[in-house]
C-alpha atoms as a PDB file:
ATOM      1  CA  MET A   1      -0.200  -0.111   0.025  1.00  0.00           C
ATOM      2  CA  GLU A   2       1.430   3.322  -0.824  1.00  0.00           C
ATOM      3  CA  GLN A   3       2.097   6.128   1.692  1.00  0.00           C
ATOM      4  CA  PRO A   4       0.069   9.175   1.260  1.00  0.00           C
ATOM      5  CA  GLN A   5       2.640  12.031   0.535  1.00  0.00           C
ATOM      6  CA  GLU A   6       2.820  15.486   2.183  1.00  0.00           C
ATOM      7  CA  ALA A   7       1.706  18.284   0.357  1.00  0.00           C
ATOM      8  CA  ASN A   8       4.580  20.587  -1.097  1.00  0.00           C
ATOM      9  CA  HIS A   9       3.763  24.205  -0.162  1.00  0.00           C
ATOM     10  CA  THR A  10       7.084  25.758  -1.460  1.00  0.00           C
ATOM     11  CA  GLU A  11       5.594  28.447  -3.807  1.00  0.00           C
ATOM     12  CA  ARG A  12       2.957  29.313  -0.974  1.00  0.00           C
ATOM     13  CA  ILE A  13       5.588  29.606   1.564  1.00  0.00           C
ATOM     14  CA  LYS A  14       7.735  31.777  -0.505  1.00  0.00           C
ATOM     15  CA  SER A  15       4.955  34.069  -1.101  1.00  0.00           C
ATOM     16  CA  GLN A  16       3.691  34.158   2.717  1.00  0.00           C
ATOM     17  CA  VAL A  17       7.342  35.152   3.624  1.00  0.00           C
ATOM     18  CA  LEU A  18       7.964  37.736   1.164  1.00  0.00           C
ATOM     19  CA  ALA A  19       4.378  39.215   1.854  1.00  0.00           C
ATOM     20  CA  LYS A  20       5.337  39.373   5.715  1.00  0.00           C
ATOM     21  CA  ILE A  21       8.970  40.610   5.618  1.00  0.00           C
ATOM     22  CA  GLY A  22       8.854  42.731   2.296  1.00  0.00           C
ATOM     23  CA  LYS A  23      11.379  42.343  -0.589  1.00  0.00           C
ATOM     24  CA  PRO A  24      14.927  42.227   0.811  1.00  0.00           C
ATOM     25  CA  PRO A  25      17.597  44.428  -1.019  1.00  0.00           C
ATOM     26  CA  ARG A  26      19.610  42.651  -3.514  1.00  0.00           C
ATOM     27  CA  LEU A  27      17.360  39.577  -3.391  1.00  0.00           C
ATOM     28  CA  TYR A  28      18.893  36.835  -5.143  1.00  0.00           C
ATOM     29  CA  ARG A  29      16.455  33.770  -4.428  1.00  0.00           C
ATOM     30  CA  VAL A  30      14.078  32.222  -1.723  1.00  0.00           C
ATOM     31  CA  GLN A  31      15.033  28.623  -0.960  1.00  0.00           C
ATOM     32  CA  VAL A  32      12.337  26.529   0.861  1.00  0.00           C
ATOM     33  CA  SER A  33      13.509  23.035   2.168  1.00  0.00           C
ATOM     34  CA  ARG A  34      10.928  20.763   3.731  1.00  0.00           C
ATOM     35  CA  HIS A  35      11.690  18.818   6.917  1.00  0.00           C
ATOM     36  CA  HIS A  36       9.736  16.628   8.941  1.00  0.00           C
ATOM     37  CA  GLY A  37       6.280  17.046  10.790  1.00  0.00           C
ATOM     38  CA  GLY A  38       5.172  20.244   8.708  1.00  0.00           C
ATOM     39  CA  ASN A  39       8.574  21.981   9.434  1.00  0.00           C
ATOM     40  CA  TYR A  40      10.392  24.004   6.639  1.00  0.00           C
ATOM     41  CA  ARG A  41      13.671  26.083   6.370  1.00  0.00           C
ATOM     42  CA  VAL A  42      13.270  29.116   4.305  1.00  0.00           C
ATOM     43  CA  ASN A  43      16.726  30.631   3.413  1.00  0.00           C
ATOM     44  CA  ILE A  44      16.692  34.061   1.434  1.00  0.00           C
ATOM     45  CA  TRP A  45      19.785  34.666  -0.519  1.00  0.00           C
ATOM     46  CA  GLN A  46      21.182  37.952  -1.238  1.00  0.00           C
ATOM     47  CA  GLN A  47      23.755  39.465  -3.626  1.00  0.00           C
ATOM     48  CA  PRO A  48      26.357  41.390  -1.555  1.00  0.00           C
ATOM     49  CA  GLU A  49      26.789  45.152  -2.525  1.00  0.00           C
ATOM     50  CA  SER A  50      29.726  45.307  -4.963  1.00  0.00           C
ATOM     51  CA  ASP A  51      33.092  46.592  -3.941  1.00  0.00           C
ATOM     52  CA  LYS A  52      34.647  48.456  -6.783  1.00  0.00           C
ATOM     53  CA  ASN A  53      37.903  48.419  -4.866  1.00  0.00           C
ATOM     54  CA  ILE A  54      38.453  44.772  -4.994  1.00  0.00           C
ATOM     55  CA  ALA A  55      39.193  42.468  -7.965  1.00  0.00           C
ATOM     56  CA  VAL A  56      37.097  39.508  -6.591  1.00  0.00           C
ATOM     57  CA  THR A  57      33.481  38.905  -7.191  1.00  0.00           C
ATOM     58  CA  ILE A  58      31.686  37.624  -4.049  1.00  0.00           C
ATOM     59  CA  GLY A  59      28.625  35.216  -4.765  1.00  0.00           C
ATOM     60  CA  PRO A  60      25.479  35.417  -3.343  1.00  0.00           C
ATOM     61  CA  ARG A  61      25.040  34.616   0.764  1.00  0.00           C
ATOM     62  CA  ILE A  62      22.273  33.707   3.124  1.00  0.00           C
ATOM     63  CA  GLY A  63      21.012  37.040   4.336  1.00  0.00           C
ATOM     64  CA  LEU A  64      18.063  35.819   6.372  1.00  0.00           C
ATOM     65  CA  SER A  65      17.090  32.275   7.421  1.00  0.00           C
ATOM     66  CA  TYR A  66      13.736  31.010   9.052  1.00  0.00           C
ATOM     67  CA  TYR A  67      12.594  27.742  10.552  1.00  0.00           C
ATOM     68  CA  LEU A  68       8.658  27.429   9.922  1.00  0.00           C
ATOM     69  CA  THR A  69       5.822  25.198  11.195  1.00  0.00           C
ATOM     70  CA  VAL A  70       3.447  25.085   8.596  1.00  0.00           C
ATOM     71  CA  SER A  71      -0.312  23.765   8.678  1.00  0.00           C
ATOM     72  CA  ASP A  72      -1.482  20.975   6.269  1.00  0.00           C
ATOM     73  CA  LYS A  73      -2.878  23.653   4.007  1.00  0.00           C
ATOM     74  CA  GLY A  74       0.317  25.547   3.652  1.00  0.00           C
ATOM     75  CA  GLU A  75      -0.414  28.414   6.071  1.00  0.00           C
ATOM     76  CA  ILE A  76       2.494  29.528   8.265  1.00  0.00           C
ATOM     77  CA  ILE A  77       1.749  28.719  11.887  1.00  0.00           C
ATOM     78  CA  ASN A  78       4.989  29.822  13.742  1.00  0.00           C
ATOM     79  CA  SER A  79       8.522  31.267  12.453  1.00  0.00           C
ATOM     80  CA  ASN A  80      11.858  31.252  14.285  1.00  0.00           C
ATOM     81  CA  PRO A  81      12.817  33.898  14.201  1.00  0.00           C
ATOM     82  CA  PRO A  82       9.522  35.790  13.891  1.00  0.00           C
ATOM     83  CA  LEU A  83       8.777  37.169  10.549  1.00  0.00           C
ATOM     84  CA  THR A  84       8.990  41.125  10.824  1.00  0.00           C
ATOM     85  CA  LYS A  85       8.768  43.670   8.372  1.00  0.00           C
ATOM     86  CA  LEU A  86      12.457  44.630   7.088  1.00  0.00           C
ATOM     87  CA  GLY A  87      13.503  48.010   8.498  1.00  0.00           C
ATOM     88  CA  THR A  88      11.532  47.682  11.546  1.00  0.00           C
ATOM     89  CA  SER A  89      12.465  46.473  14.761  1.00  0.00           C
ATOM     90  CA  ALA A  90       9.777  44.207  16.788  1.00  0.00           C
END
């Protein structure tokens, strides 16, 4: 007998996170990885500001990272750290 698969809510989670925090400066990509029991890790990759005084190009880095608990329908229930609007302190 085949086991029922958990729904993949990657796109829904991406849009919820960006709606709650806003678009980060120099956004490169949003990476969502599913873990066990309705938990997801979301990494926000950002391109560093270029420094015209150095000859080395620095690649994208994780600027923000969240560990989320998500419902069966893909709604974010909890976030560690909390999802707060960028540029504000909570």
